[in-house]
Amino acid sequence: MNKKLTSAMIPLVLVLLFLVSACQAESVEPLVTSEPPAQTPIITSSTTTTPTDTPLPTLPPAATESLIPSSTAPKPTPIYPESHYISSIIGHEQTYELGCEASAAVDWAGFFGVHIFESTFQYALPLSDNPDYGFVGEVTTDAWGQIPPYAYGVHAGPIA
């Protein structure tokens, strides 16, 4: 049973981690300069009895490109609807008063084809006095709406 739960939760955890973390790529502008690179000084060893100068190779001046911004039209701002309905997600009524996070996670896993019972998911959560680290309270007996360490529930981190 534990292996089934673990194998069912791995895809869910990966999906939730992907959804929780968001990355935005930053564009990097190339560095263009009109100054040639500085020459590296030659350091001679103190054990050399007769220092000799090594001639540096001479390079013809390289043509540098100057980047001129082209006149491009600004990208239009996308227009989003006020609301949208995703028809393929099926939800269910949550079983436990403080189990809304587990209930939503089970519904979300079902959308991706991973079917988990809400009670199985709920009881697999770690227990803690801090909702950032685990479920706070007893899910079957405590009333909701308390302040930790009393019955509170759990934050998104332990769910993901």
C-alpha atoms as a PDB file:
ATOM      1  CA  MET A   1       0.000   0.000   0.000  1.00  0.00           C
ATOM      2  CA  ASN A   2       2.817   2.404   0.839  1.00  0.00           C
ATOM      3  CA  LYS A   3       4.530   1.811  -2.524  1.00  0.00           C
ATOM      4  CA  LYS A   4       1.238   2.495  -4.326  1.00  0.00           C
ATOM      5  CA  LEU A   5       0.803   5.732  -2.428  1.00  0.00           C
ATOM      6  CA  THR A   6       4.388   6.762  -3.115  1.00  0.00           C
ATOM      7  CA  SER A   7       4.156   5.956  -6.811  1.00  0.00           C
ATOM      8  CA  ALA A   8       0.851   7.813  -7.058  1.00  0.00           C
ATOM      9  CA  MET A   9       2.147  10.865  -5.222  1.00  0.00           C
ATOM     10  CA  ILE A  10       5.391  11.280  -7.180  1.00  0.00           C
ATOM     11  CA  PRO A  11       3.682  12.572 -10.371  1.00  0.00           C
ATOM     12  CA  LEU A  12       1.414  14.745  -8.249  1.00  0.00           C
ATOM     13  CA  VAL A  13       4.338  16.250  -6.370  1.00  0.00           C
ATOM     14  CA  LEU A  14       6.187  16.933  -9.612  1.00  0.00           C
ATOM     15  CA  VAL A  15       3.149  18.602 -11.161  1.00  0.00           C
ATOM     16  CA  LEU A  16       2.482  20.701  -8.075  1.00  0.00           C
ATOM     17  CA  LEU A  17       6.130  21.763  -7.822  1.00  0.00           C
ATOM     18  CA  PHE A  18       6.009  22.795 -11.452  1.00  0.00           C
ATOM     19  CA  LEU A  19       2.868  24.832 -10.844  1.00  0.00           C
ATOM     20  CA  VAL A  20       4.084  26.407  -7.616  1.00  0.00           C
ATOM     21  CA  SER A  21       7.403  27.537  -9.009  1.00  0.00           C
ATOM     22  CA  ALA A  22       7.353  29.989 -11.873  1.00  0.00           C
ATOM     23  CA  CYS A  23      10.344  31.108 -13.872  1.00  0.00           C
ATOM     24  CA  GLN A  24      10.664  34.001 -16.239  1.00  0.00           C
ATOM     25  CA  ALA A  25      13.531  34.171 -18.666  1.00  0.00           C
ATOM     26  CA  GLU A  26      15.439  37.415 -18.815  1.00  0.00           C
ATOM     27  CA  SER A  27      16.800  38.732 -22.062  1.00  0.00           C
ATOM     28  CA  VAL A  28      20.509  39.499 -22.020  1.00  0.00           C
ATOM     29  CA  GLU A  29      21.818  42.278 -24.197  1.00  0.00           C
ATOM     30  CA  PRO A  30      25.194  41.653 -25.874  1.00  0.00           C
ATOM     31  CA  LEU A  31      28.014  43.897 -24.687  1.00  0.00           C
ATOM     32  CA  VAL A  32      29.215  46.057 -27.563  1.00  0.00           C
ATOM     33  CA  THR A  33      32.104  48.456 -26.997  1.00  0.00           C
ATOM     34  CA  SER A  34      34.203  50.576 -29.287  1.00  0.00           C
ATOM     35  CA  GLU A  35      37.337  50.217 -27.152  1.00  0.00           C
ATOM     36  CA  PRO A  36      39.759  47.396 -27.947  1.00  0.00           C
ATOM     37  CA  PRO A  37      40.534  44.952 -25.152  1.00  0.00           C
ATOM     38  CA  ALA A  38      43.373  45.938 -22.828  1.00  0.00           C
ATOM     39  CA  GLN A  39      46.675  44.139 -23.256  1.00  0.00           C
ATOM     40  CA  THR A  40      47.671  41.711 -20.548  1.00  0.00           C
ATOM     41  CA  PRO A  41      50.921  42.764 -18.838  1.00  0.00           C
ATOM     42  CA  ILE A  42      53.841  40.382 -19.164  1.00  0.00           C
ATOM     43  CA  ILE A  43      55.218  39.235 -15.838  1.00  0.00           C
ATOM     44  CA  THR A  44      58.758  37.915 -15.924  1.00  0.00           C
ATOM     45  CA  SER A  45      60.173  35.555 -13.358  1.00  0.00           C
ATOM     46  CA  SER A  46      62.773  36.891 -10.920  1.00  0.00           C
ATOM     47  CA  THR A  47      65.012  33.887 -11.629  1.00  0.00           C
ATOM     48  CA  THR A  48      65.641  34.962 -15.220  1.00  0.00           C
ATOM     49  CA  THR A  49      69.153  36.328 -15.490  1.00  0.00           C
ATOM     50  CA  THR A  50      68.653  38.265 -18.694  1.00  0.00           C
ATOM     51  CA  PRO A  51      65.124  39.453 -19.269  1.00  0.00           C
ATOM     52  CA  THR A  52      64.011  39.512 -22.849  1.00  0.00           C
ATOM     53  CA  ASP A  53      60.981  41.162 -24.298  1.00  0.00           C
ATOM     54  CA  THR A  54      58.660  38.935 -26.212  1.00  0.00           C
ATOM     55  CA  PRO A  55      57.058  40.868 -29.023  1.00  0.00           C
ATOM     56  CA  LEU A  56      53.298  40.860 -28.964  1.00  0.00           C
ATOM     57  CA  PRO A  57      51.578  39.874 -32.173  1.00  0.00           C
ATOM     58  CA  THR A  58      49.985  42.790 -33.921  1.00  0.00           C
ATOM     59  CA  LEU A  59      46.465  42.418 -35.091  1.00  0.00           C
ATOM     60  CA  PRO A  60      44.799  44.565 -37.666  1.00  0.00           C
ATOM     61  CA  PRO A  61      42.039  46.645 -36.134  1.00  0.00           C
ATOM     62  CA  ALA A  62      38.855  44.644 -36.234  1.00  0.00           C
ATOM     63  CA  ALA A  63      35.699  46.204 -37.504  1.00  0.00           C
ATOM     64  CA  THR A  64      33.155  46.392 -34.722  1.00  0.00           C
ATOM     65  CA  GLU A  65      29.505  46.204 -35.432  1.00  0.00           C
ATOM     66  CA  SER A  66      27.342  48.841 -33.931  1.00  0.00           C
ATOM     67  CA  LEU A  67      23.917  47.638 -33.038  1.00  0.00           C
ATOM     68  CA  ILE A  68      21.218  50.008 -34.145  1.00  0.00           C
ATOM     69  CA  PRO A  69      17.797  49.227 -32.778  1.00  0.00           C
ATOM     70  CA  SER A  70      15.317  48.580 -35.501  1.00  0.00           C
ATOM     71  CA  SER A  71      11.970  50.218 -35.383  1.00  0.00           C
ATOM     72  CA  THR A  72       9.667  47.352 -34.506  1.00  0.00           C
ATOM     73  CA  ALA A  73       6.056  47.660 -33.624  1.00  0.00           C
ATOM     74  CA  PRO A  74       5.279  47.076 -29.939  1.00  0.00           C
ATOM     75  CA  LYS A  75       3.717  43.728 -29.131  1.00  0.00           C
ATOM     76  CA  PRO A  76      -0.006  44.028 -28.553  1.00  0.00           C
ATOM     77  CA  THR A  77      -1.218  43.364 -25.038  1.00  0.00           C
ATOM     78  CA  PRO A  78      -3.099  40.064 -24.963  1.00  0.00           C
ATOM     79  CA  ILE A  79      -6.768  40.294 -24.141  1.00  0.00           C
ATOM     80  CA  TYR A  80      -7.944  37.783 -21.569  1.00  0.00           C
ATOM     81  CA  PRO A  81     -11.583  36.969 -20.837  1.00  0.00           C
ATOM     82  CA  GLU A  82     -13.002  37.899 -17.438  1.00  0.00           C
ATOM     83  CA  SER A  83     -13.623  34.249 -16.688  1.00  0.00           C
ATOM     84  CA  HIS A  84     -12.960  30.855 -18.199  1.00  0.00           C
ATOM     85  CA  TYR A  85     -14.292  27.376 -17.565  1.00  0.00           C
ATOM     86  CA  ILE A  86     -12.033  24.327 -17.814  1.00  0.00           C
ATOM     87  CA  SER A  87     -14.460  21.526 -18.487  1.00  0.00           C
ATOM     88  CA  SER A  88     -12.156  18.561 -17.972  1.00  0.00           C
ATOM     89  CA  ILE A  89     -11.472  19.144 -14.257  1.00  0.00           C
ATOM     90  CA  ILE A  90     -13.874  17.295 -12.010  1.00  0.00           C
ATOM     91  CA  GLY A  91     -14.062  18.352  -8.376  1.00  0.00           C
ATOM     92  CA  HIS A  92     -15.644  16.760  -5.350  1.00  0.00           C
ATOM     93  CA  GLU A  93     -16.942  17.972  -2.012  1.00  0.00           C
ATOM     94  CA  GLN A  94     -14.135  17.977   0.526  1.00  0.00           C
ATOM     95  CA  THR A  95     -14.376  15.278   3.158  1.00  0.00           C
ATOM     96  CA  TYR A  96     -12.718  17.035   6.104  1.00  0.00           C
ATOM     97  CA  GLU A  97     -13.359  20.518   7.512  1.00  0.00           C
ATOM     98  CA  LEU A  98      -9.661  21.394   7.369  1.00  0.00           C
ATOM     99  CA  GLY A  99      -8.918  19.323   4.260  1.00  0.00           C
ATOM    100  CA  CYS A 100      -9.519  21.852   1.489  1.00  0.00           C
ATOM    101  CA  GLU A 101      -5.880  21.763   0.349  1.00  0.00           C
ATOM    102  CA  ALA A 102      -5.843  17.954   0.190  1.00  0.00           C
ATOM    103  CA  SER A 103      -9.208  17.957  -1.581  1.00  0.00           C
ATOM    104  CA  ALA A 104      -7.994  20.411  -4.231  1.00  0.00           C
ATOM    105  CA  ALA A 105      -4.719  18.492  -4.682  1.00  0.00           C
ATOM    106  CA  VAL A 106      -6.620  15.219  -5.237  1.00  0.00           C
ATOM    107  CA  ASP A 107      -8.878  16.924  -7.816  1.00  0.00           C
ATOM    108  CA  TRP A 108      -5.828  18.376  -9.569  1.00  0.00           C
ATOM    109  CA  ALA A 109      -4.067  14.992  -9.584  1.00  0.00           C
ATOM    110  CA  GLY A 110      -7.190  13.446 -11.119  1.00  0.00           C
ATOM    111  CA  PHE A 111      -6.990  15.978 -13.950  1.00  0.00           C
ATOM    112  CA  PHE A 112      -3.574  14.515 -14.807  1.00  0.00           C
ATOM    113  CA  GLY A 113      -4.789  10.919 -14.548  1.00  0.00           C
ATOM    114  CA  VAL A 114      -3.479  10.189 -11.039  1.00  0.00           C
ATOM    115  CA  HIS A 115      -6.392   8.980  -8.921  1.00  0.00           C
ATOM    116  CA  ILE A 116      -5.919   9.212  -5.143  1.00  0.00           C
ATOM    117  CA  PHE A 117      -8.458   8.951  -2.344  1.00  0.00           C
ATOM    118  CA  GLU A 118      -8.657  12.183  -0.367  1.00  0.00           C
ATOM    119  CA  SER A 119      -8.244  10.333   2.937  1.00  0.00           C
ATOM    120  CA  THR A 120      -5.109   8.570   1.644  1.00  0.00           C
ATOM    121  CA  PHE A 121      -3.603  11.882   0.582  1.00  0.00           C
ATOM    122  CA  GLN A 122      -4.664  13.654   3.797  1.00  0.00           C
ATOM    123  CA  TYR A 123      -3.134  11.035   6.098  1.00  0.00           C
ATOM    124  CA  ALA A 124       0.100  10.974   4.074  1.00  0.00           C
ATOM    125  CA  LEU A 125       0.727  14.641   4.936  1.00  0.00           C
ATOM    126  CA  PRO A 126       3.313  15.289   7.643  1.00  0.00           C
ATOM    127  CA  LEU A 127       2.021  16.563  11.005  1.00  0.00           C
ATOM    128  CA  SER A 128       3.466  19.706  12.549  1.00  0.00           C
ATOM    129  CA  ASP A 129       2.738  22.694  14.770  1.00  0.00           C
ATOM    130  CA  ASN A 130       3.696  24.899  11.820  1.00  0.00           C
ATOM    131  CA  PRO A 131       1.457  24.837   8.704  1.00  0.00           C
ATOM    132  CA  ASP A 132       4.494  25.574   6.522  1.00  0.00           C
ATOM    133  CA  TYR A 133       5.926  22.165   7.483  1.00  0.00           C
ATOM    134  CA  GLY A 134       2.861  19.936   7.892  1.00  0.00           C
ATOM    135  CA  PHE A 135      -0.777  19.587   8.852  1.00  0.00           C
ATOM    136  CA  VAL A 136      -1.696  21.400  12.091  1.00  0.00           C
ATOM    137  CA  GLY A 137      -4.427  19.763  14.168  1.00  0.00           C
ATOM    138  CA  GLU A 138      -6.449  16.556  13.951  1.00  0.00           C
ATOM    139  CA  VAL A 139      -8.311  16.460  10.664  1.00  0.00           C
ATOM    140  CA  THR A 140     -11.203  14.301  11.901  1.00  0.00           C
ATOM    141  CA  THR A 141     -12.073  15.989  15.204  1.00  0.00           C
ATOM    142  CA  ASP A 142     -10.847  19.562  15.429  1.00  0.00           C
ATOM    143  CA  ALA A 143     -13.009  22.469  14.373  1.00  0.00           C
ATOM    144  CA  TRP A 144     -11.493  24.784  11.802  1.00  0.00           C
ATOM    145  CA  GLY A 145     -10.386  28.350  12.124  1.00  0.00           C
ATOM    146  CA  GLN A 146      -8.008  28.119  15.062  1.00  0.00           C
ATOM    147  CA  ILE A 147      -4.560  29.678  15.375  1.00  0.00           C
ATOM    148  CA  PRO A 148      -1.565  27.288  15.243  1.00  0.00           C
ATOM    149  CA  PRO A 149      -0.611  25.152  17.099  1.00  0.00           C
ATOM    150  CA  TYR A 150      -4.351  24.397  17.420  1.00  0.00           C
ATOM    151  CA  ALA A 151      -6.421  23.028  14.522  1.00  0.00           C
ATOM    152  CA  TYR A 152      -5.514  25.098  11.500  1.00  0.00           C
ATOM    153  CA  GLY A 153      -4.799  22.966   8.416  1.00  0.00           C
ATOM    154  CA  VAL A 154      -1.798  23.203   6.133  1.00  0.00           C
ATOM    155  CA  HIS A 155      -0.165  25.619   3.687  1.00  0.00           C
ATOM    156  CA  ALA A 156       0.742  24.840   0.070  1.00  0.00           C
ATOM    157  CA  GLY A 157       4.373  23.797   0.679  1.00  0.00           C
ATOM    158  CA  PRO A 158       3.710  20.413   2.336  1.00  0.00           C
ATOM    159  CA  ILE A 159       1.014  19.683  -0.268  1.00  0.00           C
ATOM    160  CA  ALA A 160       3.437  20.243  -3.127  1.00  0.00           C
END
